Structures are given as structure tokens and as C-alpha cells.
Full PDB file with SEQRES, HELIX, SHEET, SSBOND, CRYST1, ORIGX, SCALE, CONECT and MASTER records, all heavy atoms in Angstrom:
SEQRES   1 A   33  ILE VAL ALA GLY VAL VAL VAL ILE THR ALA LEU THR MET          
SEQRES   2 A   33  SER GLY ILE ILE SER PHE ASP PRO VAL ALA VAL ALA LYS          
SEQRES   3 A   33  TYR VAL ALA ILE ALA PHE THR                                  
HELIX    1 AA1 VAL A    2  MET A   13  1                                  12    
HELIX    2 AA2 PRO A   21  PHE A   32  1                                  12    
CRYST1    1.000    1.000    1.000  90.00  90.00  90.00 P 1           1          
ORIGX1      1.000000  0.000000  0.000000        0.00000                         
ORIGX2      0.000000  1.000000  0.000000        0.00000                         
ORIGX3      0.000000  0.000000  1.000000        0.00000                         
SCALE1      1.000000  0.000000  0.000000        0.00000                         
SCALE2      0.000000  1.000000  0.000000        0.00000                         
SCALE3      0.000000  0.000000  1.000000        0.00000                         
ATOM      1  N   ILE A   1      -8.440 -28.660   9.436  1.00  0.00           N  
ATOM      2  CA  ILE A   1      -7.325 -27.731   9.182  1.00  0.00           C  
ATOM      3  C   ILE A   1      -7.780 -26.595   8.274  1.00  0.00           C  
ATOM      4  O   ILE A   1      -7.456 -25.421   8.515  1.00  0.00           O  
ATOM      5  CB  ILE A   1      -6.140 -28.485   8.559  1.00  0.00           C  
ATOM      6  CG1 ILE A   1      -5.550 -29.476   9.574  1.00  0.00           C  
ATOM      7  CG2 ILE A   1      -5.066 -27.507   8.089  1.00  0.00           C  
ATOM      8  CD1 ILE A   1      -4.496 -30.393   8.990  1.00  0.00           C  
ATOM      9  N   VAL A   2      -8.545 -26.936   7.222  1.00  0.00           N  
ATOM     10  CA  VAL A   2      -9.064 -25.908   6.312  1.00  0.00           C  
ATOM     11  C   VAL A   2      -9.936 -24.916   7.069  1.00  0.00           C  
ATOM     12  O   VAL A   2      -9.819 -23.689   6.900  1.00  0.00           O  
ATOM     13  CB  VAL A   2      -9.863 -26.564   5.160  1.00  0.00           C  
ATOM     14  CG1 VAL A   2     -10.601 -25.494   4.344  1.00  0.00           C  
ATOM     15  CG2 VAL A   2      -8.945 -27.373   4.259  1.00  0.00           C  
ATOM     16  N   ALA A   3     -10.811 -25.440   7.941  1.00  0.00           N  
ATOM     17  CA  ALA A   3     -11.682 -24.562   8.733  1.00  0.00           C  
ATOM     18  C   ALA A   3     -10.858 -23.647   9.637  1.00  0.00           C  
ATOM     19  O   ALA A   3     -11.154 -22.455   9.789  1.00  0.00           O  
ATOM     20  CB  ALA A   3     -12.651 -25.395   9.566  1.00  0.00           C  
ATOM     21  N   GLY A   4      -9.796 -24.198  10.216  1.00  0.00           N  
ATOM     22  CA  GLY A   4      -8.934 -23.388  11.067  1.00  0.00           C  
ATOM     23  C   GLY A   4      -8.254 -22.264  10.303  1.00  0.00           C  
ATOM     24  O   GLY A   4      -8.178 -21.123  10.790  1.00  0.00           O  
ATOM     25  N   VAL A   5      -7.779 -22.581   9.107  1.00  0.00           N  
ATOM     26  CA  VAL A   5      -7.146 -21.554   8.269  1.00  0.00           C  
ATOM     27  C   VAL A   5      -8.160 -20.473   7.904  1.00  0.00           C  
ATOM     28  O   VAL A   5      -7.841 -19.268   7.928  1.00  0.00           O  
ATOM     29  CB  VAL A   5      -6.545 -22.190   6.998  1.00  0.00           C  
ATOM     30  CG1 VAL A   5      -6.075 -21.110   6.025  1.00  0.00           C  
ATOM     31  CG2 VAL A   5      -5.397 -23.123   7.353  1.00  0.00           C  
ATOM     32  N   VAL A   6      -9.392 -20.879   7.580  1.00  0.00           N  
ATOM     33  CA  VAL A   6     -10.438 -19.910   7.222  1.00  0.00           C  
ATOM     34  C   VAL A   6     -10.725 -18.983   8.401  1.00  0.00           C  
ATOM     35  O   VAL A   6     -10.825 -17.758   8.242  1.00  0.00           O  
ATOM     36  CB  VAL A   6     -11.731 -20.643   6.788  1.00  0.00           C  
ATOM     37  CG1 VAL A   6     -12.894 -19.654   6.671  1.00  0.00           C  
ATOM     38  CG2 VAL A   6     -11.516 -21.363   5.465  1.00  0.00           C  
ATOM     39  N   VAL A   7     -10.841 -19.556   9.600  1.00  0.00           N  
ATOM     40  CA  VAL A   7     -11.141 -18.743  10.788  1.00  0.00           C  
ATOM     41  C   VAL A   7     -10.003 -17.760  11.069  1.00  0.00           C  
ATOM     42  O   VAL A   7     -10.237 -16.570  11.310  1.00  0.00           O  
ATOM     43  CB  VAL A   7     -11.384 -19.656  12.007  1.00  0.00           C  
ATOM     44  CG1 VAL A   7     -11.450 -18.824  13.291  1.00  0.00           C  
ATOM     45  CG2 VAL A   7     -12.669 -20.451  11.838  1.00  0.00           C  
ATOM     46  N   ILE A   8      -8.765 -18.257  11.044  1.00  0.00           N  
ATOM     47  CA  ILE A   8      -7.612 -17.391  11.328  1.00  0.00           C  
ATOM     48  C   ILE A   8      -7.512 -16.274  10.293  1.00  0.00           C  
ATOM     49  O   ILE A   8      -7.250 -15.114  10.629  1.00  0.00           O  
ATOM     50  CB  ILE A   8      -6.315 -18.216  11.361  1.00  0.00           C  
ATOM     51  CG1 ILE A   8      -6.321 -19.157  12.574  1.00  0.00           C  
ATOM     52  CG2 ILE A   8      -5.091 -17.309  11.412  1.00  0.00           C  
ATOM     53  CD1 ILE A   8      -5.177 -20.147  12.584  1.00  0.00           C  
ATOM     54  N   THR A   9      -7.743 -16.630   9.013  1.00  0.00           N  
ATOM     55  CA  THR A   9      -7.697 -15.618   7.951  1.00  0.00           C  
ATOM     56  C   THR A   9      -8.766 -14.564   8.159  1.00  0.00           C  
ATOM     57  O   THR A   9      -8.514 -13.354   8.015  1.00  0.00           O  
ATOM     58  CB  THR A   9      -7.875 -16.278   6.571  1.00  0.00           C  
ATOM     59  OG1 THR A   9      -6.883 -17.286   6.386  1.00  0.00           O  
ATOM     60  CG2 THR A   9      -7.762 -15.246   5.459  1.00  0.00           C  
ATOM     61  N   ALA A  10      -9.984 -15.005   8.518  1.00  0.00           N  
ATOM     62  CA  ALA A  10     -11.082 -14.059   8.744  1.00  0.00           C  
ATOM     63  C   ALA A  10     -10.787 -13.137   9.919  1.00  0.00           C  
ATOM     64  O   ALA A  10     -11.024 -11.927   9.849  1.00  0.00           O  
ATOM     65  CB  ALA A  10     -12.378 -14.829   8.985  1.00  0.00           C  
ATOM     66  N   LEU A  11     -10.246 -13.696  11.012  1.00  0.00           N  
ATOM     67  CA  LEU A  11      -9.921 -12.884  12.184  1.00  0.00           C  
ATOM     68  C   LEU A  11      -8.816 -11.876  11.870  1.00  0.00           C  
ATOM     69  O   LEU A  11      -8.841 -10.741  12.344  1.00  0.00           O  
ATOM     70  CB  LEU A  11      -9.496 -13.791  13.345  1.00  0.00           C  
ATOM     71  CG  LEU A  11     -10.592 -14.681  13.942  1.00  0.00           C  
ATOM     72  CD1 LEU A  11      -9.999 -15.624  14.994  1.00  0.00           C  
ATOM     73  CD2 LEU A  11     -11.706 -13.832  14.559  1.00  0.00           C  
ATOM     74  N   THR A  12      -7.842 -12.312  11.052  1.00  0.00           N  
ATOM     75  CA  THR A  12      -6.747 -11.410  10.674  1.00  0.00           C  
ATOM     76  C   THR A  12      -7.261 -10.277   9.796  1.00  0.00           C  
ATOM     77  O   THR A  12      -6.904  -9.105   9.986  1.00  0.00           O  
ATOM     78  CB  THR A  12      -5.640 -12.189   9.938  1.00  0.00           C  
ATOM     79  OG1 THR A  12      -5.175 -13.249  10.776  1.00  0.00           O  
ATOM     80  CG2 THR A  12      -4.485 -11.278   9.586  1.00  0.00           C  
ATOM     81  N   MET A  13      -8.100 -10.624   8.812  1.00  0.00           N  
ATOM     82  CA  MET A  13      -8.625  -9.599   7.911  1.00  0.00           C  
ATOM     83  C   MET A  13      -9.531  -8.606   8.627  1.00  0.00           C  
ATOM     84  O   MET A  13      -9.604  -7.440   8.240  1.00  0.00           O  
ATOM     85  CB  MET A  13      -9.376 -10.271   6.757  1.00  0.00           C  
ATOM     86  CG  MET A  13      -8.483 -11.042   5.799  1.00  0.00           C  
ATOM     87  SD  MET A  13      -9.427 -11.908   4.530  1.00  0.00           S  
ATOM     88  CE  MET A  13     -10.255 -10.541   3.727  1.00  0.00           C  
ATOM     89  N   SER A  14     -10.208  -9.066   9.682  1.00  0.00           N  
ATOM     90  CA  SER A  14     -11.095  -8.174  10.434  1.00  0.00           C  
ATOM     91  C   SER A  14     -10.338  -7.333  11.460  1.00  0.00           C  
ATOM     92  O   SER A  14     -10.928  -6.468  12.111  1.00  0.00           O  
ATOM     93  CB  SER A  14     -12.184  -8.986  11.135  1.00  0.00           C  
ATOM     94  OG  SER A  14     -11.614  -9.874  12.082  1.00  0.00           O  
ATOM     95  N   GLY A  15      -9.053  -7.611  11.637  1.00  0.00           N  
ATOM     96  CA  GLY A  15      -8.246  -6.832  12.567  1.00  0.00           C  
ATOM     97  C   GLY A  15      -8.249  -7.336  13.983  1.00  0.00           C  
ATOM     98  O   GLY A  15      -7.600  -6.755  14.863  1.00  0.00           O  
ATOM     99  N   ILE A  16      -8.956  -8.431  14.242  1.00  0.00           N  
ATOM    100  CA  ILE A  16      -9.006  -8.982  15.594  1.00  0.00           C  
ATOM    101  C   ILE A  16      -7.657  -9.585  15.974  1.00  0.00           C  
ATOM    102  O   ILE A  16      -7.212  -9.492  17.110  1.00  0.00           O  
ATOM    103  CB  ILE A  16     -10.128 -10.042  15.708  1.00  0.00           C  
ATOM    104  CG1 ILE A  16     -11.484  -9.370  15.455  1.00  0.00           C  
ATOM    105  CG2 ILE A  16     -10.108 -10.728  17.066  1.00  0.00           C  
ATOM    106  CD1 ILE A  16     -12.648 -10.345  15.400  1.00  0.00           C  
ATOM    107  N   ILE A  17      -6.998 -10.222  14.995  1.00  0.00           N  
ATOM    108  CA  ILE A  17      -5.660 -10.768  15.199  1.00  0.00           C  
ATOM    109  C   ILE A  17      -4.683  -9.920  14.398  1.00  0.00           C  
ATOM    110  O   ILE A  17      -4.904  -9.662  13.206  1.00  0.00           O  
ATOM    111  CB  ILE A  17      -5.576 -12.243  14.728  1.00  0.00           C  
ATOM    112  CG1 ILE A  17      -6.495 -13.127  15.571  1.00  0.00           C  
ATOM    113  CG2 ILE A  17      -4.145 -12.753  14.814  1.00  0.00           C  
ATOM    114  CD1 ILE A  17      -6.500 -14.577  15.125  1.00  0.00           C  
ATOM    115  N   SER A  18      -3.625  -9.463  15.041  1.00  0.00           N  
ATOM    116  CA  SER A  18      -2.612  -8.689  14.327  1.00  0.00           C  
ATOM    117  C   SER A  18      -1.658  -9.632  13.595  1.00  0.00           C  
ATOM    118  O   SER A  18      -1.406 -10.747  14.050  1.00  0.00           O  
ATOM    119  CB  SER A  18      -1.829  -7.805  15.301  1.00  0.00           C  
ATOM    120  OG  SER A  18      -1.155  -8.602  16.252  1.00  0.00           O  
ATOM    121  N   PHE A  19      -1.146  -9.156  12.482  1.00  0.00           N  
ATOM    122  CA  PHE A  19      -0.267  -9.984  11.652  1.00  0.00           C  
ATOM    123  C   PHE A  19       0.989  -9.203  11.329  1.00  0.00           C  
ATOM    124  O   PHE A  19       0.950  -8.213  10.598  1.00  0.00           O  
ATOM    125  CB  PHE A  19      -0.999 -10.398  10.367  1.00  0.00           C  
ATOM    126  CG  PHE A  19      -0.125 -11.126   9.379  1.00  0.00           C  
ATOM    127  CD1 PHE A  19       0.433 -12.353   9.689  1.00  0.00           C  
ATOM    128  CD2 PHE A  19       0.130 -10.579   8.122  1.00  0.00           C  
ATOM    129  CE1 PHE A  19       1.245 -13.022   8.783  1.00  0.00           C  
ATOM    130  CE2 PHE A  19       0.929 -11.246   7.204  1.00  0.00           C  
ATOM    131  CZ  PHE A  19       1.481 -12.472   7.545  1.00  0.00           C  
ATOM    132  N   ASP A  20       2.102  -9.633  11.915  1.00  0.00           N  
ATOM    133  CA  ASP A  20       3.403  -9.037  11.629  1.00  0.00           C  
ATOM    134  C   ASP A  20       4.160 -10.012  10.738  1.00  0.00           C  
ATOM    135  O   ASP A  20       4.701 -11.010  11.224  1.00  0.00           O  
ATOM    136  CB  ASP A  20       4.166  -8.785  12.927  1.00  0.00           C  
ATOM    137  CG  ASP A  20       5.527  -8.138  12.680  1.00  0.00           C  
ATOM    138  OD1 ASP A  20       5.943  -8.035  11.505  1.00  0.00           O  
ATOM    139  OD2 ASP A  20       6.190  -7.748  13.658  1.00  0.00           O  
ATOM    140  N   PRO A  21       4.194  -9.777   9.419  1.00  0.00           N  
ATOM    141  CA  PRO A  21       4.784 -10.762   8.504  1.00  0.00           C  
ATOM    142  C   PRO A  21       6.254 -11.051   8.786  1.00  0.00           C  
ATOM    143  O   PRO A  21       6.713 -12.172   8.611  1.00  0.00           O  
ATOM    144  CB  PRO A  21       4.588 -10.142   7.120  1.00  0.00           C  
ATOM    145  CG  PRO A  21       4.332  -8.691   7.360  1.00  0.00           C  
ATOM    146  CD  PRO A  21       3.669  -8.602   8.696  1.00  0.00           C  
ATOM    147  N   VAL A  22       7.005 -10.049   9.226  1.00  0.00           N  
ATOM    148  CA  VAL A  22       8.430 -10.265   9.500  1.00  0.00           C  
ATOM    149  C   VAL A  22       8.602 -11.216  10.681  1.00  0.00           C  
ATOM    150  O   VAL A  22       9.391 -12.172  10.629  1.00  0.00           O  
ATOM    151  CB  VAL A  22       9.142  -8.924   9.775  1.00  0.00           C  
ATOM    152  CG1 VAL A  22      10.597  -9.175  10.140  1.00  0.00           C  
ATOM    153  CG2 VAL A  22       9.048  -8.011   8.558  1.00  0.00           C  
ATOM    154  N   ALA A  23       7.844 -10.981  11.750  1.00  0.00           N  
ATOM    155  CA  ALA A  23       7.928 -11.857  12.923  1.00  0.00           C  
ATOM    156  C   ALA A  23       7.467 -13.269  12.585  1.00  0.00           C  
ATOM    157  O   ALA A  23       8.098 -14.255  12.986  1.00  0.00           O  
ATOM    158  CB  ALA A  23       7.083 -11.282  14.062  1.00  0.00           C  
ATOM    159  N   VAL A  24       6.373 -13.365  11.834  1.00  0.00           N  
ATOM    160  CA  VAL A  24       5.862 -14.685  11.443  1.00  0.00           C  
ATOM    161  C   VAL A  24       6.890 -15.423  10.596  1.00  0.00           C  
ATOM    162  O   VAL A  24       7.129 -16.624  10.779  1.00  0.00           O  
ATOM    163  CB  VAL A  24       4.522 -14.545  10.683  1.00  0.00           C  
ATOM    164  CG1 VAL A  24       4.100 -15.894  10.087  1.00  0.00           C  
ATOM    165  CG2 VAL A  24       3.438 -14.028  11.609  1.00  0.00           C  
ATOM    166  N   ALA A  25       7.523 -14.717   9.658  1.00  0.00           N  
ATOM    167  CA  ALA A  25       8.525 -15.346   8.794  1.00  0.00           C  
ATOM    168  C   ALA A  25       9.692 -15.882   9.622  1.00  0.00           C  
ATOM    169  O   ALA A  25      10.206 -16.973   9.353  1.00  0.00           O  
ATOM    170  CB  ALA A  25       9.022 -14.346   7.755  1.00  0.00           C  
ATOM    171  N   LYS A  26      10.111 -15.124  10.634  1.00  0.00           N  
ATOM    172  CA  LYS A  26      11.205 -15.584  11.491  1.00  0.00           C  
ATOM    173  C   LYS A  26      10.819 -16.863  12.232  1.00  0.00           C  
ATOM    174  O   LYS A  26      11.599 -17.828  12.298  1.00  0.00           O  
ATOM    175  CB  LYS A  26      11.594 -14.490  12.483  1.00  0.00           C  
ATOM    176  CG  LYS A  26      12.284 -13.295  11.840  1.00  0.00           C  
ATOM    177  CD  LYS A  26      12.600 -12.222  12.876  1.00  0.00           C  
ATOM    178  CE  LYS A  26      13.292 -11.029  12.231  1.00  0.00           C  
ATOM    179  NZ  LYS A  26      13.546  -9.939  13.216  1.00  0.00           N  
ATOM    180  N   TYR A  27       9.621 -16.885  12.798  1.00  0.00           N  
ATOM    181  CA  TYR A  27       9.170 -18.073  13.541  1.00  0.00           C  
ATOM    182  C   TYR A  27       9.008 -19.280  12.623  1.00  0.00           C  
ATOM    183  O   TYR A  27       9.353 -20.409  12.988  1.00  0.00           O  
ATOM    184  CB  TYR A  27       7.858 -17.773  14.265  1.00  0.00           C  
ATOM    185  CG  TYR A  27       8.008 -16.894  15.481  1.00  0.00           C  
ATOM    186  CD1 TYR A  27       7.271 -15.721  15.611  1.00  0.00           C  
ATOM    187  CD2 TYR A  27       8.903 -17.225  16.493  1.00  0.00           C  
ATOM    188  CE1 TYR A  27       7.413 -14.894  16.723  1.00  0.00           C  
ATOM    189  CE2 TYR A  27       9.045 -16.409  17.617  1.00  0.00           C  
ATOM    190  CZ  TYR A  27       8.303 -15.247  17.726  1.00  0.00           C  
ATOM    191  OH  TYR A  27       8.448 -14.444  18.829  1.00  0.00           O  
ATOM    192  N   VAL A  28       8.474 -19.047  11.421  1.00  0.00           N  
ATOM    193  CA  VAL A  28       8.282 -20.155  10.472  1.00  0.00           C  
ATOM    194  C   VAL A  28       9.632 -20.696  10.018  1.00  0.00           C  
ATOM    195  O   VAL A  28       9.810 -21.919   9.894  1.00  0.00           O  
ATOM    196  CB  VAL A  28       7.434 -19.692   9.268  1.00  0.00           C  
ATOM    197  CG1 VAL A  28       7.410 -20.767   8.191  1.00  0.00           C  
ATOM    198  CG2 VAL A  28       6.011 -19.371   9.711  1.00  0.00           C  
ATOM    199  N   ALA A  29      10.598 -19.812   9.763  1.00  0.00           N  
ATOM    200  CA  ALA A  29      11.934 -20.263   9.373  1.00  0.00           C  
ATOM    201  C   ALA A  29      12.541 -21.140  10.466  1.00  0.00           C  
ATOM    202  O   ALA A  29      13.146 -22.180  10.183  1.00  0.00           O  
ATOM    203  CB  ALA A  29      12.838 -19.065   9.079  1.00  0.00           C  
ATOM    204  N   ILE A  30      12.389 -20.708  11.729  1.00  0.00           N  
ATOM    205  CA  ILE A  30      12.901 -21.503  12.852  1.00  0.00           C  
ATOM    206  C   ILE A  30      12.176 -22.845  12.929  1.00  0.00           C  
ATOM    207  O   ILE A  30      12.797 -23.901  13.118  1.00  0.00           O  
ATOM    208  CB  ILE A  30      12.740 -20.719  14.173  1.00  0.00           C  
ATOM    209  CG1 ILE A  30      13.664 -19.501  14.178  1.00  0.00           C  
ATOM    210  CG2 ILE A  30      13.044 -21.620  15.378  1.00  0.00           C  
ATOM    211  CD1 ILE A  30      13.408 -18.542  15.334  1.00  0.00           C  
ATOM    212  N   ALA A  31      10.839 -22.811  12.760  1.00  0.00           N  
ATOM    213  CA  ALA A  31      10.055 -24.044  12.843  1.00  0.00           C  
ATOM    214  C   ALA A  31      10.459 -25.034  11.759  1.00  0.00           C  
ATOM    215  O   ALA A  31      10.649 -26.237  12.038  1.00  0.00           O  
ATOM    216  CB  ALA A  31       8.564 -23.714  12.723  1.00  0.00           C  
ATOM    217  N   PHE A  32      10.602 -24.563  10.515  1.00  0.00           N  
ATOM    218  CA  PHE A  32      10.999 -25.457   9.421  1.00  0.00           C  
ATOM    219  C   PHE A  32      12.399 -26.024   9.663  1.00  0.00           C  
ATOM    220  O   PHE A  32      12.658 -27.196   9.368  1.00  0.00           O  
ATOM    221  CB  PHE A  32      10.965 -24.701   8.087  1.00  0.00           C  
ATOM    222  CG  PHE A  32       9.583 -24.494   7.530  1.00  0.00           C  
ATOM    223  CD1 PHE A  32       9.380 -23.770   6.364  1.00  0.00           C  
ATOM    224  CD2 PHE A  32       8.466 -25.010   8.165  1.00  0.00           C  
ATOM    225  CE1 PHE A  32       8.116 -23.572   5.838  1.00  0.00           C  
ATOM    226  CE2 PHE A  32       7.185 -24.826   7.659  1.00  0.00           C  
ATOM    227  CZ  PHE A  32       7.018 -24.099   6.494  1.00  0.00           C  
ATOM    228  N   THR A  33      13.291 -25.196  10.193  1.00  0.00           N  
ATOM    229  CA  THR A  33      14.649 -25.666  10.463  1.00  0.00           C  
ATOM    230  C   THR A  33      14.650 -26.730  11.554  1.00  0.00           C  
ATOM    231  O   THR A  33      15.348 -27.755  11.440  1.00  0.00           O  
ATOM    232  CB  THR A  33      15.547 -24.491  10.887  1.00  0.00           C  
ATOM    233  OG1 THR A  33      15.517 -23.484   9.868  1.00  0.00           O  
ATOM    234  CG2 THR A  33      16.976 -24.946  11.090  1.00  0.00           C  
TER     235      THR A  33                                                      
MASTER        0    0    0    2    0    0    0    6  234    1    0    3          
END                                                                             
């Protein structure tokens, strides 16, 4: 899991993966609920 978080973070910081915090927050709120 730690390795996965590191990879995702690296890809996001390099711009390969886009990160929309508002959209992510909505999905996480739904997931937690």
C-alpha cells in the first residue's frame, strides 16, 4: 500500500495523473458514507 501511494504521488506530481481535489473529495465523501 505504501509503495502504491508513493507511485501515485510521484505520477501526480509529475503531471502524468491529473488531480482535481474537489472531485476527489466528493468521491471520498461518498465512499466513506
